[in-house]
Amino acid sequence: MFYSSSSGNIELELTYAQACYASHQGQCGSDVRGLSKVPAIASQLEKLDADTVRSELREYGAWDAVELADDAQNAQRLLWLKDGEE
């Protein structure tokens, strides 16, 4: 399965199970961190342009400029935003 951002500028390839794993009710932080360490996902996150991720996240209006300056956290946010809906 592919996650594609609303702008189409970001795509991630992950399984349906992976997409569901870190996007559920309740606290997802530790699940997102674990998912981000899966080699196939970690390598995709490392290749993303930080400005593109920041721009995509800015559209949600949930984080201010100071928060969006943290590129590592932005990768976590991006993983958390996708979900397992088909």
PDB file of N, CA and C in Angstrom:
ATOM      1  N   MET A   1       0.846  -1.167   0.000  1.00  0.00           N
ATOM      2  CA  MET A   1       0.000   0.000   0.000  1.00  0.00           C
ATOM      3  C   MET A   1       0.887   1.223   0.000  1.00  0.00           C
ATOM      4  N   PHE A   2       0.384   2.281  -0.553  1.00  0.00           N
ATOM      5  CA  PHE A   2       1.120   3.533  -0.599  1.00  0.00           C
ATOM      6  C   PHE A   2       0.375   4.596   0.187  1.00  0.00           C
ATOM      7  N   TYR A   3       1.144   5.397   0.902  1.00  0.00           N
ATOM      8  CA  TYR A   3       0.602   6.614   1.501  1.00  0.00           C
ATOM      9  C   TYR A   3       1.049   7.741   0.593  1.00  0.00           C
ATOM     10  N   SER A   4       0.125   8.561   0.184  1.00  0.00           N
ATOM     11  CA  SER A   4       0.460   9.732  -0.614  1.00  0.00           C
ATOM     12  C   SER A   4      -0.115  10.946   0.091  1.00  0.00           C
ATOM     13  N   SER A   5       0.711  11.961   0.255  1.00  0.00           N
ATOM     14  CA  SER A   5       0.256  13.171   0.934  1.00  0.00           C
ATOM     15  C   SER A   5      -0.778  13.884   0.071  1.00  0.00           C
ATOM     16  N   SER A   6      -1.504  14.799   0.661  1.00  0.00           N
ATOM     17  CA  SER A   6      -2.553  15.510  -0.065  1.00  0.00           C
ATOM     18  C   SER A   6      -2.001  16.265  -1.271  1.00  0.00           C
ATOM     19  N   SER A   7      -0.765  16.715  -1.176  1.00  0.00           N
ATOM     20  CA  SER A   7      -0.150  17.432  -2.294  1.00  0.00           C
ATOM     21  C   SER A   7       0.430  16.481  -3.331  1.00  0.00           C
ATOM     22  N   GLY A   8       0.602  15.218  -2.941  1.00  0.00           N
ATOM     23  CA  GLY A   8       1.218  14.246  -3.832  1.00  0.00           C
ATOM     24  C   GLY A   8       2.736  14.324  -3.845  1.00  0.00           C
ATOM     25  N   ASN A   9       3.297  15.174  -3.008  1.00  0.00           N
ATOM     26  CA  ASN A   9       4.753  15.353  -2.973  1.00  0.00           C
ATOM     27  C   ASN A   9       5.470  14.338  -2.096  1.00  0.00           C
ATOM     28  N   ILE A  10       4.721  13.621  -1.275  1.00  0.00           N
ATOM     29  CA  ILE A  10       5.320  12.644  -0.372  1.00  0.00           C
ATOM     30  C   ILE A  10       4.598  11.316  -0.552  1.00  0.00           C
ATOM     31  N   GLU A  11       5.372  10.273  -0.778  1.00  0.00           N
ATOM     32  CA  GLU A  11       4.817   8.929  -0.859  1.00  0.00           C
ATOM     33  C   GLU A  11       5.643   7.999   0.012  1.00  0.00           C
ATOM     34  N   LEU A  12       4.953   7.134   0.720  1.00  0.00           N
ATOM     35  CA  LEU A  12       5.604   6.106   1.523  1.00  0.00           C
ATOM     36  C   LEU A  12       4.973   4.769   1.163  1.00  0.00           C
ATOM     37  N   GLU A  13       5.791   3.751   1.086  1.00  0.00           N
ATOM     38  CA  GLU A  13       5.291   2.413   0.830  1.00  0.00           C
ATOM     39  C   GLU A  13       5.360   1.616   2.125  1.00  0.00           C
ATOM     40  N   LEU A  14       4.201   1.118   2.560  1.00  0.00           N
ATOM     41  CA  LEU A  14       4.140   0.284   3.743  1.00  0.00           C
ATOM     42  C   LEU A  14       2.977  -0.675   3.603  1.00  0.00           C
ATOM     43  N   THR A  15       2.995  -1.713   4.394  1.00  0.00           N
ATOM     44  CA  THR A  15       1.904  -2.677   4.347  1.00  0.00           C
ATOM     45  C   THR A  15       0.678  -2.093   5.037  1.00  0.00           C
ATOM     46  N   TYR A  16      -0.452  -2.704   4.775  1.00  0.00           N
ATOM     47  CA  TYR A  16      -1.683  -2.288   5.442  1.00  0.00           C
ATOM     48  C   TYR A  16      -1.534  -2.441   6.956  1.00  0.00           C
ATOM     49  N   ALA A  17      -0.943  -3.552   7.374  1.00  0.00           N
ATOM     50  CA  ALA A  17      -0.746  -3.789   8.811  1.00  0.00           C
ATOM     51  C   ALA A  17       0.138  -2.702   9.423  1.00  0.00           C
ATOM     52  N   GLN A  18       1.188  -2.303   8.716  1.00  0.00           N
ATOM     53  CA  GLN A  18       2.062  -1.234   9.217  1.00  0.00           C
ATOM     54  C   GLN A  18       1.296   0.077   9.308  1.00  0.00           C
ATOM     55  N   ALA A  19       0.477   0.365   8.318  1.00  0.00           N
ATOM     56  CA  ALA A  19      -0.301   1.608   8.319  1.00  0.00           C
ATOM     57  C   ALA A  19      -1.247   1.656   9.514  1.00  0.00           C
ATOM     58  N   CYS A  20      -1.828   0.527   9.845  1.00  0.00           N
ATOM     59  CA  CYS A  20      -2.753   0.454  10.983  1.00  0.00           C
ATOM     60  C   CYS A  20      -2.027   0.475  12.319  1.00  0.00           C
ATOM     61  N   TYR A  21      -0.835  -0.068  12.347  1.00  0.00           N
ATOM     62  CA  TYR A  21      -0.086  -0.256  13.588  1.00  0.00           C
ATOM     63  C   TYR A  21       0.125   1.040  14.365  1.00  0.00           C
ATOM     64  N   ALA A  22       0.396   2.110  13.673  1.00  0.00           N
ATOM     65  CA  ALA A  22       0.757   3.358  14.351  1.00  0.00           C
ATOM     66  C   ALA A  22      -0.304   4.443  14.214  1.00  0.00           C
ATOM     67  N   SER A  23      -1.495   4.050  13.850  1.00  0.00           N
ATOM     68  CA  SER A  23      -2.566   5.028  13.711  1.00  0.00           C
ATOM     69  C   SER A  23      -3.840   4.403  14.277  1.00  0.00           C
ATOM     70  N   HIS A  24      -4.083   4.642  15.546  1.00  0.00           N
ATOM     71  CA  HIS A  24      -5.198   4.021  16.246  1.00  0.00           C
ATOM     72  C   HIS A  24      -5.633   4.919  17.385  1.00  0.00           C
ATOM     73  N   GLN A  25      -6.697   4.558  18.050  1.00  0.00           N
ATOM     74  CA  GLN A  25      -7.147   5.323  19.212  1.00  0.00           C
ATOM     75  C   GLN A  25      -6.101   5.227  20.311  1.00  0.00           C
ATOM     76  N   GLY A  26      -6.033   6.251  21.117  1.00  0.00           N
ATOM     77  CA  GLY A  26      -5.100   6.255  22.239  1.00  0.00           C
ATOM     78  C   GLY A  26      -3.721   6.741  21.834  1.00  0.00           C
ATOM     79  N   GLN A  27      -2.783   6.549  22.725  1.00  0.00           N
ATOM     80  CA  GLN A  27      -1.405   6.998  22.502  1.00  0.00           C
ATOM     81  C   GLN A  27      -0.741   6.157  21.419  1.00  0.00           C
ATOM     82  N   CYS A  28      -0.167   6.814  20.433  1.00  0.00           N
ATOM     83  CA  CYS A  28       0.473   6.119  19.306  1.00  0.00           C
ATOM     84  C   CYS A  28       1.978   6.350  19.256  1.00  0.00           C
ATOM     85  N   GLY A  29       2.501   7.203  20.112  1.00  0.00           N
ATOM     86  CA  GLY A  29       3.898   7.615  20.044  1.00  0.00           C
ATOM     87  C   GLY A  29       4.898   6.477  19.982  1.00  0.00           C
ATOM     88  N   SER A  30       4.779   5.509  20.881  1.00  0.00           N
ATOM     89  CA  SER A  30       5.759   4.419  20.891  1.00  0.00           C
ATOM     90  C   SER A  30       5.597   3.532  19.662  1.00  0.00           C
ATOM     91  N   ASP A  31       4.373   3.362  19.186  1.00  0.00           N
ATOM     92  CA  ASP A  31       4.152   2.579  17.975  1.00  0.00           C
ATOM     93  C   ASP A  31       4.735   3.280  16.752  1.00  0.00           C
ATOM     94  N   VAL A  32       4.575   4.595  16.685  1.00  0.00           N
ATOM     95  CA  VAL A  32       5.134   5.363  15.568  1.00  0.00           C
ATOM     96  C   VAL A  32       6.656   5.285  15.591  1.00  0.00           C
ATOM     97  N   ARG A  33       7.259   5.433  16.763  1.00  0.00           N
ATOM     98  CA  ARG A  33       8.716   5.333  16.873  1.00  0.00           C
ATOM     99  C   ARG A  33       9.201   3.954  16.433  1.00  0.00           C
ATOM    100  N   GLY A  34       8.503   2.924  16.857  1.00  0.00           N
ATOM    101  CA  GLY A  34       8.875   1.573  16.447  1.00  0.00           C
ATOM    102  C   GLY A  34       8.763   1.376  14.949  1.00  0.00           C
ATOM    103  N   LEU A  35       7.688   1.866  14.365  1.00  0.00           N
ATOM    104  CA  LEU A  35       7.490   1.749  12.925  1.00  0.00           C
ATOM    105  C   LEU A  35       8.568   2.511  12.162  1.00  0.00           C
ATOM    106  N   SER A  36       8.977   3.652  12.692  1.00  0.00           N
ATOM    107  CA  SER A  36       9.998   4.464  12.011  1.00  0.00           C
ATOM    108  C   SER A  36      11.363   3.791  12.006  1.00  0.00           C
ATOM    109  N   LYS A  37      11.543   2.766  12.848  1.00  0.00           N
ATOM    110  CA  LYS A  37      12.819   2.057  12.917  1.00  0.00           C
ATOM    111  C   LYS A  37      12.848   0.813  12.030  1.00  0.00           C
ATOM    112  N   VAL A  38      11.718   0.455  11.442  1.00  0.00           N
ATOM    113  CA  VAL A  38      11.692  -0.661  10.488  1.00  0.00           C
ATOM    114  C   VAL A  38      12.566  -0.241   9.306  1.00  0.00           C
ATOM    115  N   PRO A  39      13.591  -1.026   8.969  1.00  0.00           N
ATOM    116  CA  PRO A  39      14.550  -0.600   7.944  1.00  0.00           C
ATOM    117  C   PRO A  39      13.933  -0.076   6.643  1.00  0.00           C
ATOM    118  N   ALA A  40      12.934  -0.756   6.127  1.00  0.00           N
ATOM    119  CA  ALA A  40      12.330  -0.321   4.860  1.00  0.00           C
ATOM    120  C   ALA A  40      11.635   1.038   4.990  1.00  0.00           C
ATOM    121  N   ILE A  41      11.097   1.311   6.158  1.00  0.00           N
ATOM    122  CA  ILE A  41      10.430   2.597   6.386  1.00  0.00           C
ATOM    123  C   ILE A  41      11.451   3.671   6.739  1.00  0.00           C
ATOM    124  N   ALA A  42      12.411   3.322   7.579  1.00  0.00           N
ATOM    125  CA  ALA A  42      13.456   4.281   7.969  1.00  0.00           C
ATOM    126  C   ALA A  42      14.189   4.812   6.743  1.00  0.00           C
ATOM    127  N   SER A  43      14.490   3.939   5.792  1.00  0.00           N
ATOM    128  CA  SER A  43      15.217   4.393   4.596  1.00  0.00           C
ATOM    129  C   SER A  43      14.364   5.343   3.757  1.00  0.00           C
ATOM    130  N   GLN A  44      13.060   5.115   3.729  1.00  0.00           N
ATOM    131  CA  GLN A  44      12.180   6.029   2.998  1.00  0.00           C
ATOM    132  C   GLN A  44      12.123   7.394   3.684  1.00  0.00           C
ATOM    133  N   LEU A  45      12.020   7.384   5.004  1.00  0.00           N
ATOM    134  CA  LEU A  45      11.950   8.642   5.751  1.00  0.00           C
ATOM    135  C   LEU A  45      13.228   9.450   5.590  1.00  0.00           C
ATOM    136  N   GLU A  46      14.366   8.764   5.576  1.00  0.00           N
ATOM    137  CA  GLU A  46      15.653   9.453   5.431  1.00  0.00           C
ATOM    138  C   GLU A  46      15.781  10.164   4.088  1.00  0.00           C
ATOM    139  N   LYS A  47      15.108   9.663   3.075  1.00  0.00           N
ATOM    140  CA  LYS A  47      15.208  10.234   1.726  1.00  0.00           C
ATOM    141  C   LYS A  47      14.288  11.432   1.518  1.00  0.00           C
ATOM    142  N   LEU A  48      13.362  11.653   2.432  1.00  0.00           N
ATOM    143  CA  LEU A  48      12.412  12.754   2.265  1.00  0.00           C
ATOM    144  C   LEU A  48      13.095  14.101   2.444  1.00  0.00           C
ATOM    145  N   ASP A  49      12.694  15.053   1.634  1.00  0.00           N
ATOM    146  CA  ASP A  49      13.194  16.416   1.758  1.00  0.00           C
ATOM    147  C   ASP A  49      12.522  17.078   2.964  1.00  0.00           C
ATOM    148  N   ALA A  50      13.319  17.585   3.878  1.00  0.00           N
ATOM    149  CA  ALA A  50      12.795  18.161   5.127  1.00  0.00           C
ATOM    150  C   ALA A  50      11.843  19.326   4.870  1.00  0.00           C
ATOM    151  N   ASP A  51      12.140  20.154   3.893  1.00  0.00           N
ATOM    152  CA  ASP A  51      11.260  21.291   3.596  1.00  0.00           C
ATOM    153  C   ASP A  51       9.916  20.838   3.048  1.00  0.00           C
ATOM    154  N   THR A  52       9.927  19.773   2.258  1.00  0.00           N
ATOM    155  CA  THR A  52       8.681  19.240   1.713  1.00  0.00           C
ATOM    156  C   THR A  52       7.817  18.674   2.829  1.00  0.00           C
ATOM    157  N   VAL A  53       8.426  17.946   3.742  1.00  0.00           N
ATOM    158  CA  VAL A  53       7.683  17.387   4.887  1.00  0.00           C
ATOM    159  C   VAL A  53       7.120  18.522   5.733  1.00  0.00           C
ATOM    160  N   ARG A  54       7.932  19.512   6.013  1.00  0.00           N
ATOM    161  CA  ARG A  54       7.498  20.656   6.821  1.00  0.00           C
ATOM    162  C   ARG A  54       6.306  21.358   6.159  1.00  0.00           C
ATOM    163  N   SER A  55       6.398  21.555   4.858  1.00  0.00           N
ATOM    164  CA  SER A  55       5.328  22.214   4.114  1.00  0.00           C
ATOM    165  C   SER A  55       4.036  21.402   4.174  1.00  0.00           C
ATOM    166  N   GLU A  56       4.161  20.102   4.017  1.00  0.00           N
ATOM    167  CA  GLU A  56       2.991  19.219   4.088  1.00  0.00           C
ATOM    168  C   GLU A  56       2.345  19.290   5.465  1.00  0.00           C
ATOM    169  N   LEU A  57       3.134  19.217   6.506  1.00  0.00           N
ATOM    170  CA  LEU A  57       2.614  19.249   7.870  1.00  0.00           C
ATOM    171  C   LEU A  57       2.010  20.611   8.209  1.00  0.00           C
ATOM    172  N   ARG A  58       2.577  21.658   7.655  1.00  0.00           N
ATOM    173  CA  ARG A  58       2.071  23.009   7.907  1.00  0.00           C
ATOM    174  C   ARG A  58       0.605  23.117   7.473  1.00  0.00           C
ATOM    175  N   GLU A  59       0.220  22.390   6.421  1.00  0.00           N
ATOM    176  CA  GLU A  59      -1.155  22.439   5.919  1.00  0.00           C
ATOM    177  C   GLU A  59      -2.166  21.974   6.958  1.00  0.00           C
ATOM    178  N   TYR A  60      -1.748  21.144   7.897  1.00  0.00           N
ATOM    179  CA  TYR A  60      -2.659  20.655   8.922  1.00  0.00           C
ATOM    180  C   TYR A  60      -2.964  21.722   9.969  1.00  0.00           C
ATOM    181  N   GLY A  61      -2.089  22.712  10.100  1.00  0.00           N
ATOM    182  CA  GLY A  61      -2.308  23.792  11.046  1.00  0.00           C
ATOM    183  C   GLY A  61      -2.196  23.372  12.502  1.00  0.00           C
ATOM    184  N   ALA A  62      -1.604  22.220  12.756  1.00  0.00           N
ATOM    185  CA  ALA A  62      -1.541  21.698  14.120  1.00  0.00           C
ATOM    186  C   ALA A  62      -0.226  22.019  14.825  1.00  0.00           C
ATOM    187  N   TRP A  63       0.780  22.457  14.070  1.00  0.00           N
ATOM    188  CA  TRP A  63       2.093  22.710  14.648  1.00  0.00           C
ATOM    189  C   TRP A  63       2.576  24.083  14.226  1.00  0.00           C
ATOM    190  N   ASP A  64       3.257  24.760  15.157  1.00  0.00           N
ATOM    191  CA  ASP A  64       3.788  26.087  14.834  1.00  0.00           C
ATOM    192  C   ASP A  64       5.186  25.959  14.223  1.00  0.00           C
ATOM    193  N   ALA A  65       5.759  27.078  13.837  1.00  0.00           N
ATOM    194  CA  ALA A  65       7.058  27.085  13.159  1.00  0.00           C
ATOM    195  C   ALA A  65       8.167  26.475  14.014  1.00  0.00           C
ATOM    196  N   VAL A  66       8.129  26.714  15.305  1.00  0.00           N
ATOM    197  CA  VAL A  66       9.151  26.154  16.202  1.00  0.00           C
ATOM    198  C   VAL A  66       9.042  24.631  16.225  1.00  0.00           C
ATOM    199  N   GLU A  67       7.833  24.118  16.345  1.00  0.00           N
ATOM    200  CA  GLU A  67       7.637  22.667  16.354  1.00  0.00           C
ATOM    201  C   GLU A  67       8.049  22.047  15.021  1.00  0.00           C
ATOM    202  N   LEU A  68       7.732  22.711  13.923  1.00  0.00           N
ATOM    203  CA  LEU A  68       8.046  22.179  12.598  1.00  0.00           C
ATOM    204  C   LEU A  68       9.530  22.270  12.250  1.00  0.00           C
ATOM    205  N   ALA A  69      10.313  22.921  13.090  1.00  0.00           N
ATOM    206  CA  ALA A  69      11.761  22.998  12.859  1.00  0.00           C
ATOM    207  C   ALA A  69      12.456  21.686  13.216  1.00  0.00           C
ATOM    208  N   ASP A  70      11.776  20.791  13.912  1.00  0.00           N
ATOM    209  CA  ASP A  70      12.341  19.515  14.344  1.00  0.00           C
ATOM    210  C   ASP A  70      12.081  18.452  13.278  1.00  0.00           C
ATOM    211  N   ASP A  71      13.066  18.230  12.411  1.00  0.00           N
ATOM    212  CA  ASP A  71      12.893  17.318  11.278  1.00  0.00           C
ATOM    213  C   ASP A  71      12.649  15.876  11.709  1.00  0.00           C
ATOM    214  N   ALA A  72      13.304  15.430  12.760  1.00  0.00           N
ATOM    215  CA  ALA A  72      13.098  14.059  13.242  1.00  0.00           C
ATOM    216  C   ALA A  72      11.660  13.873  13.726  1.00  0.00           C
ATOM    217  N   GLN A  73      11.164  14.851  14.452  1.00  0.00           N
ATOM    218  CA  GLN A  73       9.781  14.775  14.937  1.00  0.00           C
ATOM    219  C   GLN A  73       8.799  14.875  13.776  1.00  0.00           C
ATOM    220  N   ASN A  74       9.149  15.641  12.753  1.00  0.00           N
ATOM    221  CA  ASN A  74       8.274  15.756  11.592  1.00  0.00           C
ATOM    222  C   ASN A  74       8.098  14.414  10.892  1.00  0.00           C
ATOM    223  N   ALA A  75       9.150  13.623  10.832  1.00  0.00           N
ATOM    224  CA  ALA A  75       9.046  12.286  10.232  1.00  0.00           C
ATOM    225  C   ALA A  75       8.077  11.439  11.042  1.00  0.00           C
ATOM    226  N   GLN A  76       8.134  11.562  12.368  1.00  0.00           N
ATOM    227  CA  GLN A  76       7.212  10.836  13.230  1.00  0.00           C
ATOM    228  C   GLN A  76       5.772  11.302  12.992  1.00  0.00           C
ATOM    229  N   ARG A  77       5.607  12.598  12.864  1.00  0.00           N
ATOM    230  CA  ARG A  77       4.265  13.148  12.622  1.00  0.00           C
ATOM    231  C   ARG A  77       3.705  12.620  11.307  1.00  0.00           C
ATOM    232  N   LEU A  78       4.540  12.591  10.303  1.00  0.00           N
ATOM    233  CA  LEU A  78       4.111  12.120   8.995  1.00  0.00           C
ATOM    234  C   LEU A  78       3.637  10.664   9.076  1.00  0.00           C
ATOM    235  N   LEU A  79       4.383   9.831   9.757  1.00  0.00           N
ATOM    236  CA  LEU A  79       3.976   8.430   9.922  1.00  0.00           C
ATOM    237  C   LEU A  79       2.666   8.322  10.700  1.00  0.00           C
ATOM    238  N   TRP A  80       2.500   9.140  11.686  1.00  0.00           N
ATOM    239  CA  TRP A  80       1.298   9.096  12.510  1.00  0.00           C
ATOM    240  C   TRP A  80       0.068   9.517  11.706  1.00  0.00           C
ATOM    241  N   LEU A  81       0.229  10.467  10.785  1.00  0.00           N
ATOM    242  CA  LEU A  81      -0.907  10.993  10.036  1.00  0.00           C
ATOM    243  C   LEU A  81      -1.509  10.002   9.052  1.00  0.00           C
ATOM    244  N   LYS A  82      -0.698   9.140   8.509  1.00  0.00           N
ATOM    245  CA  LYS A  82      -1.252   8.160   7.571  1.00  0.00           C
ATOM    246  C   LYS A  82      -2.053   7.160   8.385  1.00  0.00           C
ATOM    247  N   ASP A  83      -2.960   6.494   7.747  1.00  0.00           N
ATOM    248  CA  ASP A  83      -3.712   5.486   8.472  1.00  0.00           C
ATOM    249  C   ASP A  83      -3.973   4.284   7.580  1.00  0.00           C
ATOM    250  N   GLY A  84      -4.598   3.300   8.130  1.00  0.00           N
ATOM    251  CA  GLY A  84      -4.807   2.051   7.421  1.00  0.00           C
ATOM    252  C   GLY A  84      -6.119   1.978   6.661  1.00  0.00           C
ATOM    253  N   GLU A  85      -6.742   3.101   6.395  1.00  0.00           N
ATOM    254  CA  GLU A  85      -7.997   3.067   5.644  1.00  0.00           C
ATOM    255  C   GLU A  85      -7.704   2.867   4.172  1.00  0.00           C
ATOM    256  N   GLU A  86      -8.522   2.061   3.539  1.00  0.00           N
ATOM    257  CA  GLU A  86      -8.325   1.805   2.114  1.00  0.00           C
ATOM    258  C   GLU A  86      -9.244   2.689   1.310  1.00  0.00           C
TER     259      GLU A  86
END
